[in-house]
Amino acid sequence: MNNSLRNYNPDVLSCLANLSNDEVFTPPQLANQMLDMLPQELFQSPDTRFLDPCTKSGVFLREIAKRLIVGLADKIPDQQERIDHIMHHQLYGIAITRLTSMMSRRSLYCSKDASGKYSISQFDTEDGNVRYRDIRHTWVQGKCCYCGASQEVYDRGDELESHAYEFIHTDNPNELYNNMTFDVIIGNPPYQMNDGGSGTGISAKPIYQHFVTQAQKMSPRYLTMIIPSRWFAGGKGLDEFRDSMLKNRHIKTIVDYPKSRDCFPGVDIAGGVCFFLIDKQYDGDCLLISRTGEEEYSRKRKLDEFEIFIRDSIGLDIIHKVQAKTKLFMNTVVYSRNPFGFVSSERGREKSPNETLRLYSSGGIGYVSAESVIKNKDAISKYKVYIGKVNPDRGGVNNAKDGKMSVITKVSVIDPFELITETYLLLGVYDSKTEADNCASYYRTKFVRSLISLTLTSMNITKDNFQFVPLQDFSKPWTDEELYKKYGLTDEEIQFIESMIRPME
């Protein structure tokens, strides 16, 4: 056997972090990056208390323990006494499942049974300070009133996990620990739950925001969690959470990964991921650190400048230049989803004296009657510009070899009395073919698609993603060169766009 293979001893938690795309496990390296944001004197005090309210592998608790064992060596010289103090009085965890409770105790105590003979610190109970309670959802009209899970999906027998996470299934999380105060709350919460929507049973809604909100109720000195970045600009049920986060002047640092694979190798999460540090005593602008591949840049930012958060600082400068010259934007003319009332599965019928309107769908071309159009009848007789409603870059998870994005699908123009289904997004309607063609040429520019990309955090495109695209005069076609000049972009800003967006024929 090769000696290098025989001596290879990987960290089991590093291996485990590559196994799940659902409840994503945290690599030790990432856990330590989050711990590095904290004041390191916390690890030199025997009074600092840490809580992971959503522990899976126990990596946060283990890495904190390693730092405390070193940091308290002078204050508690006896190693076993030091370990006992740390395990009994400083480290606490709430597991998300019975299995992860055992994994976490194995990582922290070296035994899944904290009261067993192999535990490095003896407790009176099997749990020690890493607890798991078999909580059930509270159903109200088919949904859990705490997390929004679907009763149809999760109301099942005791032999299966309920995924009713204890930390977010209570109105007062302080009661879980008899109002004990924690200096640091840290974790990587579950990201989403099936909510039974879309009619297919596969619709999911985010739940990570509930963990952040619950942790803030406990008023820790520091709060740091790693969560999807989708809250920056979109996400089902995230509007209130986004508003509260953007207005939170205690957020000292956000570390953003636009591509999730740069943070979690092998894991694709639309919109990327981020981790943050909330410091209760800090009041100021946030330091945004963006990491893409080997590149990193940082900048102090006001989080609430817009209703959504623009993660890219160069892109933000471009938006400022556009807004200085423009007051009207394309989101005022882009239509809401399903512009004519035909769902994606609609295919139309064969052409007949009654069915005369041509309908474009993902299944091809069919025909419908004028009477079946239930929305925007005034647009029927106009030329229409449209794209597919799905972002071809899959919310930034396509990992294209050239590192560039298309942002939108092919831009198409259809004639009067031609319609589209909900599969597509209607960008605008025009009286003349010339105006429609010029509008289409505008959307094909890298300039426009870069502005759209700054707002994208999911796979679906909506009219809100056009809020920074300036409205133009479409009596003429547009080119990138004209737009760069019109808005006074610098060479750096032009290179930013050119390096990010691929050409569209």
Protein backbone atom coordinates (compact mmCIF):
# COMPACT_ATOMS: atom_id res chain seq x y z
CA MET A 1 0.00 0.00 0.00
CA ASN A 2 1.18 3.50 -0.80
CA ASN A 3 2.45 5.14 2.44
CA SER A 4 0.81 8.46 1.62
CA LEU A 5 -2.58 6.70 1.39
CA ARG A 6 -2.00 4.72 4.57
CA ASN A 7 -1.14 7.84 6.54
CA TYR A 8 -4.02 9.93 5.15
CA ASN A 9 -6.35 10.69 8.07
CA PRO A 10 -9.11 13.07 6.95
CA ASP A 11 -11.29 14.98 9.37
CA VAL A 12 -14.54 13.02 9.36
CA LEU A 13 -16.51 16.26 9.61
CA SER A 14 -14.82 17.54 6.43
CA CYS A 15 -16.01 14.41 4.65
CA LEU A 16 -19.49 14.70 6.10
CA ALA A 17 -19.81 18.28 4.85
CA ASN A 18 -19.74 16.99 1.27
CA LEU A 19 -22.65 14.58 1.67
CA SER A 20 -25.81 16.69 1.84
CA ASN A 21 -27.50 19.24 -0.39
CA ASP A 22 -30.55 19.56 1.89
CA GLU A 23 -29.52 20.24 5.47
CA VAL A 24 -26.02 21.35 4.52
CA PHE A 25 -23.24 20.30 6.88
CA THR A 26 -20.54 22.82 7.74
CA PRO A 27 -16.89 22.10 6.90
CA PRO A 28 -14.53 22.73 9.85
CA GLN A 29 -12.61 25.31 7.83
CA LEU A 30 -15.77 27.35 7.31
CA ALA A 31 -16.76 27.03 10.97
CA ASN A 32 -13.38 28.48 11.93
CA GLN A 33 -13.76 31.38 9.51
CA MET A 34 -16.96 32.28 11.33
CA LEU A 35 -15.29 31.91 14.72
CA ASP A 36 -12.44 34.13 13.55
CA MET A 37 -14.90 37.04 13.24
CA LEU A 38 -15.53 36.96 16.99
CA PRO A 39 -13.31 38.77 19.52
CA GLN A 40 -10.79 36.09 20.44
CA GLU A 41 -10.80 37.06 24.10
CA LEU A 42 -14.15 35.26 24.28
CA PHE A 43 -12.18 32.02 24.16
CA GLN A 44 -10.03 33.10 27.10
CA SER A 45 -12.91 33.62 29.51
CA PRO A 46 -14.39 30.80 31.61
CA ASP A 47 -17.69 32.71 31.68
CA THR A 48 -18.41 32.85 27.91
CA ARG A 49 -21.41 30.75 26.91
CA PHE A 50 -21.95 29.44 23.38
CA LEU A 51 -25.12 27.98 21.84
CA ASP A 52 -25.59 26.19 18.53
CA PRO A 53 -29.40 25.98 18.21
CA CYS A 54 -29.33 23.83 15.06
CA THR A 55 -26.38 21.51 15.48
CA LYS A 56 -25.90 18.74 12.93
CA SER A 57 -22.36 17.37 13.05
CA GLY A 58 -21.29 19.28 16.16
CA VAL A 59 -18.53 21.04 14.24
CA PHE A 60 -19.12 24.48 15.78
CA LEU A 61 -19.14 23.14 19.33
CA ARG A 62 -16.06 21.02 18.68
CA GLU A 63 -14.06 23.89 17.18
CA ILE A 64 -15.10 26.23 20.00
CA ALA A 65 -14.03 23.60 22.53
CA LYS A 66 -10.60 23.37 20.91
CA ARG A 67 -10.15 27.13 21.24
CA LEU A 68 -11.37 27.20 24.83
CA ILE A 69 -9.06 24.35 25.86
CA VAL A 70 -6.13 26.44 24.67
CA GLY A 71 -7.47 29.81 25.82
CA LEU A 72 -8.24 28.71 29.40
CA ALA A 73 -5.00 26.84 30.03
CA ASP A 74 -3.65 29.57 32.31
CA LYS A 75 -6.89 30.06 34.22
CA ILE A 76 -7.66 26.36 34.72
CA PRO A 77 -4.30 24.54 34.53
CA ASP A 78 -5.64 21.03 35.20
CA GLN A 79 -6.70 19.68 31.81
CA GLN A 80 -9.57 17.45 32.98
CA GLU A 81 -10.93 20.17 35.23
CA ARG A 82 -10.70 22.57 32.28
CA ILE A 83 -12.51 20.17 29.95
CA ASP A 84 -15.22 19.53 32.52
CA HIS A 85 -15.79 23.25 33.02
CA ILE A 86 -15.99 23.91 29.27
CA MET A 87 -18.35 21.02 28.54
CA HIS A 88 -20.65 21.59 31.53
CA HIS A 89 -20.77 25.39 31.69
CA GLN A 90 -19.83 26.91 28.32
CA LEU A 91 -21.05 24.78 25.41
CA TYR A 92 -24.69 24.06 24.56
CA GLY A 93 -26.44 22.67 21.53
CA ILE A 94 -29.91 21.85 20.22
CA ALA A 95 -29.83 19.08 17.62
CA ILE A 96 -32.15 19.14 14.61
CA THR A 97 -32.71 15.35 14.56
CA ARG A 98 -32.08 12.39 16.84
CA LEU A 99 -29.26 11.23 14.56
CA THR A 100 -27.51 14.61 14.54
CA SER A 101 -27.76 14.76 18.34
CA MET A 102 -25.70 11.57 18.52
CA MET A 103 -23.29 12.85 15.86
CA SER A 104 -22.84 16.14 17.72
CA ARG A 105 -22.21 14.44 21.06
CA ARG A 106 -19.75 12.12 19.38
CA SER A 107 -17.89 15.15 17.98
CA LEU A 108 -17.93 17.07 21.27
CA TYR A 109 -17.77 14.42 23.99
CA CYS A 110 -16.17 11.62 21.92
CA SER A 111 -19.25 9.56 22.80
CA LYS A 112 -22.87 9.68 21.70
CA ASP A 113 -23.75 9.02 25.37
CA ALA A 114 -22.56 11.92 27.53
CA SER A 115 -23.11 9.81 30.66
CA GLY A 116 -21.18 6.80 29.30
CA LYS A 117 -17.72 5.69 30.27
CA TYR A 118 -16.18 6.85 26.98
CA SER A 119 -17.34 10.45 27.32
CA ILE A 120 -14.44 12.84 27.94
CA SER A 121 -16.61 14.65 30.50
CA GLN A 122 -19.19 12.85 32.57
CA PHE A 123 -22.81 14.02 32.67
CA ASP A 124 -25.80 12.65 34.54
CA THR A 125 -27.79 12.30 31.35
CA GLU A 126 -27.17 10.85 27.90
CA ASP A 127 -27.75 14.25 26.27
CA GLY A 128 -25.25 16.24 28.30
CA ASN A 129 -25.61 19.79 27.03
CA VAL A 130 -26.54 18.68 23.49
CA ARG A 131 -30.26 18.14 23.64
CA TYR A 132 -32.84 16.72 21.27
CA ARG A 133 -36.59 16.79 21.85
CA ASP A 134 -39.09 15.05 19.58
CA ILE A 135 -41.27 18.06 18.81
CA ARG A 136 -44.38 17.86 16.65
CA HIS A 137 -45.69 20.48 14.23
CA THR A 138 -48.71 22.58 15.18
CA TRP A 139 -51.14 22.33 12.28
CA VAL A 140 -53.40 25.22 11.30
CA GLN A 141 -55.30 24.84 8.02
CA GLY A 142 -52.83 22.33 6.65
CA LYS A 143 -49.66 24.25 7.55
CA CYS A 144 -47.45 24.37 10.63
CA CYS A 145 -48.03 27.75 12.25
CA TYR A 146 -44.36 27.95 13.25
CA CYS A 147 -42.41 26.83 10.18
CA GLY A 148 -45.00 26.58 7.38
CA ALA A 149 -44.41 22.88 6.71
CA SER A 150 -47.11 21.02 4.82
CA GLN A 151 -49.32 18.78 6.97
CA GLU A 152 -49.79 16.49 3.97
CA VAL A 153 -46.02 15.93 3.81
CA TYR A 154 -44.90 16.00 7.45
CA ASP A 155 -47.86 14.69 9.46
CA ARG A 156 -46.48 11.18 9.74
CA GLY A 157 -45.73 8.42 12.21
CA ASP A 158 -43.20 8.41 15.00
CA GLU A 159 -40.92 6.14 12.99
CA LEU A 160 -39.99 9.08 10.72
CA GLU A 161 -38.36 12.40 11.60
CA SER A 162 -40.90 15.18 11.92
CA HIS A 163 -38.36 17.92 11.10
CA ALA A 164 -40.16 20.07 13.65
CA TYR A 165 -37.07 21.85 14.90
CA GLU A 166 -37.32 22.63 18.60
CA PHE A 167 -35.67 26.04 18.45
CA ILE A 168 -38.25 27.52 16.08
CA HIS A 169 -41.32 25.71 17.41
CA THR A 170 -41.75 27.89 20.45
CA ASP A 171 -42.87 31.48 20.97
CA ASN A 172 -40.20 32.12 23.56
CA PRO A 173 -36.82 30.43 22.93
CA ASN A 174 -35.45 31.78 26.22
CA GLU A 175 -37.61 29.23 28.04
CA LEU A 176 -35.63 26.38 26.49
CA TYR A 177 -32.76 27.15 28.85
CA ASN A 178 -34.62 28.73 31.76
CA ASN A 179 -33.73 32.24 30.58
CA MET A 180 -30.00 31.47 30.54
CA THR A 181 -28.06 34.16 28.67
CA PHE A 182 -25.64 33.32 25.87
CA ASP A 183 -22.73 35.43 24.73
CA VAL A 184 -22.54 33.79 21.31
CA ILE A 185 -25.16 32.02 19.22
CA ILE A 186 -23.72 30.35 16.15
CA GLY A 187 -25.02 27.86 13.61
CA ASN A 188 -25.90 26.68 10.13
CA PRO A 189 -29.70 26.20 10.20
CA PRO A 190 -31.81 24.03 7.88
CA TYR A 191 -32.59 26.08 4.81
CA GLN A 192 -36.08 25.09 3.64
CA MET A 193 -39.18 22.95 4.17
CA ASN A 194 -41.70 21.47 1.76
CA ASP A 195 -44.82 23.63 1.99
CA GLY A 196 -47.03 21.54 -0.31
CA GLY A 197 -47.42 24.35 -2.81
CA SER A 198 -47.30 24.46 -6.63
CA GLY A 199 -49.79 21.60 -6.87
CA THR A 200 -46.94 19.12 -7.20
CA GLY A 201 -45.95 18.70 -3.58
CA ILE A 202 -42.38 19.81 -4.29
CA SER A 203 -42.70 23.51 -3.48
CA ALA A 204 -40.42 24.64 -0.67
CA LYS A 205 -40.32 27.72 1.52
CA PRO A 206 -37.31 29.00 3.43
CA ILE A 207 -37.10 28.44 7.18
CA TYR A 208 -33.56 29.64 7.97
CA GLN A 209 -34.90 33.13 8.73
CA HIS A 210 -36.87 31.72 11.67
CA PHE A 211 -33.64 30.55 13.32
CA VAL A 212 -32.09 34.00 12.94
CA THR A 213 -35.20 35.68 14.34
CA GLN A 214 -35.44 33.29 17.29
CA ALA A 215 -31.76 33.75 18.09
CA GLN A 216 -32.20 37.52 18.13
CA LYS A 217 -35.02 37.12 20.65
CA MET A 218 -32.44 35.63 23.04
CA SER A 219 -30.39 38.84 22.78
CA PRO A 220 -26.90 37.32 22.55
CA ARG A 221 -23.87 39.61 22.54
CA TYR A 222 -22.89 38.08 19.19
CA LEU A 223 -24.90 36.18 16.58
CA THR A 224 -23.36 34.53 13.55
CA MET A 225 -25.06 32.11 11.14
CA ILE A 226 -24.52 30.91 7.61
CA ILE A 227 -27.63 31.06 5.44
CA PRO A 228 -28.61 31.32 1.74
CA SER A 229 -28.09 34.80 0.30
CA ARG A 230 -31.48 34.75 -1.38
CA TRP A 231 -32.83 37.05 1.33
CA PHE A 232 -30.80 39.89 -0.25
CA ALA A 233 -33.37 40.39 -2.98
CA GLY A 234 -36.00 37.64 -3.18
CA GLY A 235 -37.34 34.45 -1.70
CA LYS A 236 -40.79 33.23 -0.72
CA GLY A 237 -41.92 34.75 2.59
CA LEU A 238 -38.67 36.67 3.13
CA ASP A 239 -39.84 40.26 2.67
CA GLU A 240 -40.28 40.99 6.38
CA PHE A 241 -37.01 39.25 7.26
CA ARG A 242 -35.13 41.15 4.54
CA ASP A 243 -36.52 44.47 5.74
CA SER A 244 -35.48 43.77 9.34
CA MET A 245 -31.99 42.67 8.32
CA LEU A 246 -31.35 45.61 6.00
CA LYS A 247 -32.39 48.03 8.75
CA ASN A 248 -30.28 46.28 11.39
CA ARG A 249 -27.35 48.59 12.18
CA HIS A 250 -25.82 45.91 14.44
CA ILE A 251 -24.77 43.75 11.47
CA LYS A 252 -21.05 44.34 11.54
CA THR A 253 -19.90 41.96 8.79
CA ILE A 254 -21.39 39.93 5.94
CA VAL A 255 -19.20 37.44 4.07
CA ASP A 256 -20.92 36.65 0.78
CA TYR A 257 -20.32 33.76 -1.63
CA PRO A 258 -22.26 34.45 -4.88
CA LYS A 259 -21.49 30.86 -5.93
CA SER A 260 -22.26 28.39 -3.16
CA ARG A 261 -19.59 25.94 -4.33
CA ASP A 262 -16.94 28.44 -3.25
CA CYS A 263 -18.22 27.91 0.28
CA PHE A 264 -19.71 24.39 0.24
CA PRO A 265 -17.80 22.28 -2.30
CA GLY A 266 -20.19 20.29 -4.47
CA VAL A 267 -23.34 22.01 -3.15
CA ASP A 268 -25.43 24.21 -5.47
CA ILE A 269 -27.65 26.79 -3.79
CA ALA A 270 -29.33 29.34 -6.05
CA GLY A 271 -28.28 32.85 -5.12
CA GLY A 272 -25.24 31.70 -3.17
CA VAL A 273 -24.71 31.74 0.59
CA CYS A 274 -23.44 34.17 3.20
CA PHE A 275 -22.52 34.30 6.85
CA PHE A 276 -22.86 37.36 9.03
CA LEU A 277 -21.87 38.75 12.41
CA ILE A 278 -24.38 40.70 14.48
CA ASP A 279 -22.70 42.56 17.34
CA LYS A 280 -25.29 43.92 19.77
CA GLN A 281 -23.01 46.79 20.75
CA TYR A 282 -22.06 47.79 17.21
CA ASP A 283 -23.95 50.55 15.39
CA GLY A 284 -22.75 51.46 11.92
CA ASP A 285 -22.34 50.48 8.29
CA CYS A 286 -21.70 46.85 7.41
CA LEU A 287 -18.41 45.49 6.07
CA LEU A 288 -19.33 43.40 3.03
CA ILE A 289 -16.71 40.82 2.05
CA SER A 290 -17.40 39.10 -1.28
CA ARG A 291 -15.55 35.91 -2.23
CA THR A 292 -15.65 34.44 -5.74
CA GLY A 293 -13.12 31.73 -6.55
CA GLU A 294 -9.74 33.04 -5.44
CA GLU A 295 -10.85 36.66 -5.54
CA GLU A 296 -12.01 38.70 -2.57
CA TYR A 297 -12.96 42.32 -2.13
CA SER A 298 -14.47 44.25 0.76
CA ARG A 299 -16.30 47.52 1.25
CA LYS A 300 -18.30 49.27 3.96
CA ARG A 301 -21.94 49.46 2.90
CA LYS A 302 -25.28 50.87 4.00
CA LEU A 303 -27.52 47.83 3.85
CA ASP A 304 -30.81 49.68 3.48
CA GLU A 305 -29.94 51.95 0.55
CA PHE A 306 -32.56 50.09 -1.53
CA GLU A 307 -35.44 47.76 -0.72
CA ILE A 308 -33.18 44.92 -1.83
CA PHE A 309 -29.47 44.49 -1.18
CA ILE A 310 -27.09 44.88 -4.11
CA ARG A 311 -24.25 42.52 -3.28
CA ASP A 312 -21.71 43.77 -5.85
CA SER A 313 -20.04 47.10 -5.08
CA ILE A 314 -18.99 47.88 -8.67
CA GLY A 315 -22.50 47.07 -9.80
CA LEU A 316 -23.77 49.45 -7.13
CA ASP A 317 -21.63 52.25 -8.60
CA ILE A 318 -23.16 51.59 -12.03
CA ILE A 319 -26.67 51.76 -10.55
CA HIS A 320 -25.84 55.13 -9.00
CA LYS A 321 -24.74 56.47 -12.41
CA VAL A 322 -27.90 55.16 -14.08
CA GLN A 323 -30.13 56.68 -11.42
CA ALA A 324 -28.39 60.05 -11.81
CA LYS A 325 -29.58 60.20 -15.43
CA THR A 326 -32.84 58.23 -15.37
CA LYS A 327 -36.08 58.44 -13.41
CA LEU A 328 -38.12 55.78 -15.25
CA PHE A 329 -37.20 52.10 -15.30
CA MET A 330 -38.24 49.02 -17.23
CA ASN A 331 -40.06 47.40 -14.31
CA THR A 332 -42.83 49.90 -15.04
CA VAL A 333 -43.49 48.30 -18.45
CA VAL A 334 -42.58 44.65 -17.79
CA TYR A 335 -45.70 42.57 -17.07
CA SER A 336 -46.38 40.46 -13.99
CA ARG A 337 -46.30 36.69 -14.27
CA ASN A 338 -48.86 34.90 -16.44
CA PRO A 339 -49.72 37.97 -18.53
CA PHE A 340 -52.72 36.52 -20.41
CA GLY A 341 -53.98 33.97 -17.89
CA PHE A 342 -52.61 30.82 -19.58
CA VAL A 343 -50.74 28.55 -17.16
CA SER A 344 -47.51 26.83 -18.23
CA SER A 345 -49.27 23.52 -18.94
CA GLU A 346 -51.68 25.12 -21.44
CA ARG A 347 -50.98 23.97 -25.00
CA GLY A 348 -53.91 25.42 -26.90
CA ARG A 349 -55.81 23.54 -29.59
CA GLU A 350 -55.82 23.17 -33.35
CA LYS A 351 -56.67 26.29 -35.29
CA SER A 352 -60.42 26.73 -35.86
CA PRO A 353 -62.88 29.53 -36.64
CA ASN A 354 -63.10 30.18 -32.88
CA GLU A 355 -59.48 29.46 -31.87
CA THR A 356 -57.57 32.03 -33.96
CA LEU A 357 -54.99 33.43 -31.54
CA ARG A 358 -51.62 31.70 -31.76
CA LEU A 359 -50.30 30.60 -28.33
CA TYR A 360 -46.60 29.94 -27.67
CA SER A 361 -45.89 27.43 -24.91
CA SER A 362 -43.01 25.19 -23.88
CA GLY A 363 -44.80 22.42 -25.76
CA GLY A 364 -44.95 24.28 -29.06
CA ILE A 365 -47.67 26.31 -30.77
CA GLY A 366 -51.41 25.96 -30.35
CA TYR A 367 -54.44 28.20 -30.76
CA VAL A 368 -56.88 29.79 -28.30
CA SER A 369 -59.95 31.99 -28.56
CA ALA A 370 -60.07 35.68 -27.71
CA GLU A 371 -62.72 34.89 -25.09
CA SER A 372 -60.24 32.68 -23.19
CA VAL A 373 -57.85 35.60 -22.62
CA ILE A 374 -58.65 36.75 -19.09
CA LYS A 375 -55.92 39.39 -18.59
CA ASN A 376 -54.40 42.28 -20.56
CA LYS A 377 -56.80 42.04 -23.52
CA ASP A 378 -55.57 45.44 -24.72
CA ALA A 379 -52.17 43.87 -25.49
CA ILE A 380 -53.55 41.23 -27.86
CA SER A 381 -53.28 43.41 -30.96
CA LYS A 382 -49.73 44.65 -30.25
CA TYR A 383 -46.22 43.39 -30.96
CA LYS A 384 -44.76 41.65 -27.91
CA VAL A 385 -41.21 41.17 -26.58
CA TYR A 386 -40.69 38.22 -24.26
CA ILE A 387 -38.16 35.87 -22.64
CA GLY A 388 -38.36 32.66 -20.63
CA LYS A 389 -39.14 33.32 -16.98
CA VAL A 390 -36.39 30.97 -15.77
CA ASN A 391 -32.87 32.33 -15.32
CA PRO A 392 -30.67 30.17 -17.62
CA ASP A 393 -27.79 30.42 -15.15
CA ARG A 394 -29.98 28.69 -12.54
CA GLY A 395 -29.60 31.46 -10.02
CA GLY A 396 -25.81 31.45 -10.31
CA VAL A 397 -25.29 27.70 -9.92
CA ASN A 398 -24.50 26.79 -13.52
CA ASN A 399 -20.73 26.97 -12.86
CA ALA A 400 -20.02 27.72 -16.53
CA LYS A 401 -16.44 27.13 -17.63
CA ASP A 402 -16.07 30.68 -18.93
CA GLY A 403 -17.35 32.06 -15.63
CA LYS A 404 -19.87 34.24 -17.48
CA MET A 405 -23.65 34.53 -17.36
CA SER A 406 -26.41 34.84 -19.95
CA VAL A 407 -28.85 36.17 -17.29
CA ILE A 408 -31.90 35.86 -19.56
CA THR A 409 -33.00 33.43 -22.26
CA LYS A 410 -33.36 34.29 -25.95
CA VAL A 411 -35.25 37.55 -26.50
CA SER A 412 -38.14 37.01 -28.93
CA VAL A 413 -40.65 39.22 -30.70
CA ILE A 414 -44.11 37.99 -31.72
CA ASP A 415 -46.77 39.60 -33.86
CA PRO A 416 -50.19 40.95 -32.97
CA PHE A 417 -52.73 38.25 -32.09
CA GLU A 418 -49.95 35.98 -30.83
CA LEU A 419 -49.75 35.21 -27.10
CA ILE A 420 -47.59 33.42 -24.54
CA THR A 421 -48.19 31.20 -21.52
CA GLU A 422 -46.89 31.61 -17.97
CA THR A 423 -43.68 29.88 -19.08
CA TYR A 424 -42.57 33.25 -20.43
CA LEU A 425 -42.15 36.78 -19.13
CA LEU A 426 -43.65 39.63 -21.16
CA LEU A 427 -41.12 42.48 -21.31
CA GLY A 428 -43.23 44.97 -23.20
CA VAL A 429 -45.85 45.55 -25.93
CA TYR A 430 -45.51 47.99 -28.83
CA ASP A 431 -47.59 49.38 -31.68
CA SER A 432 -44.83 48.92 -34.27
CA LYS A 433 -42.49 46.09 -35.18
CA THR A 434 -39.60 48.56 -35.22
CA GLU A 435 -40.13 49.54 -31.58
CA ALA A 436 -40.43 45.90 -30.53
CA ASP A 437 -37.24 44.93 -32.39
CA ASN A 438 -35.36 47.87 -30.88
CA CYS A 439 -36.56 46.90 -27.41
CA ALA A 440 -35.33 43.35 -28.04
CA SER A 441 -31.92 44.67 -29.12
CA TYR A 442 -31.76 46.65 -25.87
CA TYR A 443 -32.34 43.56 -23.74
CA ARG A 444 -29.63 41.69 -25.62
CA THR A 445 -26.98 44.18 -24.51
CA LYS A 446 -24.55 43.18 -21.80
CA PHE A 447 -25.28 46.48 -20.06
CA VAL A 448 -28.96 45.65 -19.50
CA ARG A 449 -28.35 42.04 -18.56
CA SER A 450 -25.71 43.06 -16.01
CA LEU A 451 -28.24 45.34 -14.29
CA ILE A 452 -30.76 42.50 -14.18
CA SER A 453 -28.13 40.14 -12.76
CA LEU A 454 -27.51 42.43 -9.79
CA THR A 455 -31.01 41.67 -8.52
CA LEU A 456 -31.10 37.91 -9.14
CA THR A 457 -30.99 35.47 -6.24
CA SER A 458 -33.21 32.69 -7.57
CA MET A 459 -33.97 30.76 -10.74
CA ASN A 460 -37.10 32.76 -11.62
CA ILE A 461 -37.12 36.23 -13.17
CA THR A 462 -39.91 38.67 -12.34
CA LYS A 463 -40.68 42.29 -13.16
CA ASP A 464 -38.91 43.32 -9.93
CA ASN A 465 -35.59 42.24 -11.46
CA PHE A 466 -35.87 45.14 -13.94
CA GLN A 467 -36.05 47.91 -11.35
CA PHE A 468 -32.57 49.27 -12.20
CA VAL A 469 -32.83 48.92 -16.01
CA PRO A 470 -33.47 52.41 -17.42
CA LEU A 471 -36.40 52.97 -19.76
CA GLN A 472 -35.24 54.05 -23.24
CA ASP A 473 -36.56 55.56 -26.45
CA PHE A 474 -37.13 52.58 -28.73
CA SER A 475 -37.44 54.52 -31.93
CA LYS A 476 -33.80 53.42 -32.41
CA PRO A 477 -31.79 50.27 -31.59
CA TRP A 478 -29.23 50.25 -28.77
CA THR A 479 -25.67 48.96 -28.43
CA ASP A 480 -23.43 48.47 -25.42
CA GLU A 481 -21.05 51.16 -26.63
CA GLU A 482 -23.85 53.74 -26.73
CA LEU A 483 -25.06 52.76 -23.27
CA TYR A 484 -21.58 52.78 -21.72
CA LYS A 485 -21.09 56.30 -23.07
CA LYS A 486 -24.57 57.54 -22.12
CA TYR A 487 -24.11 56.59 -18.46
CA GLY A 488 -20.44 57.54 -18.20
CA LEU A 489 -19.06 54.14 -17.23
CA THR A 490 -15.36 53.91 -16.42
CA ASP A 491 -13.00 51.37 -17.96
CA GLU A 492 -13.18 49.37 -14.72
CA GLU A 493 -16.98 49.30 -14.80
CA ILE A 494 -17.04 48.31 -18.48
CA GLN A 495 -14.56 45.52 -17.78
CA PHE A 496 -16.75 44.39 -14.88
CA ILE A 497 -19.68 43.96 -17.27
CA GLU A 498 -17.66 42.46 -20.11
CA SER A 499 -16.02 39.90 -17.83
CA MET A 500 -19.34 38.88 -16.26
CA ILE A 501 -21.84 38.75 -19.16
CA ARG A 502 -21.45 36.66 -22.31
CA PRO A 503 -22.55 37.97 -25.71
CA MET A 504 -26.09 37.29 -26.93
CA GLU A 505 -26.71 37.03 -30.66
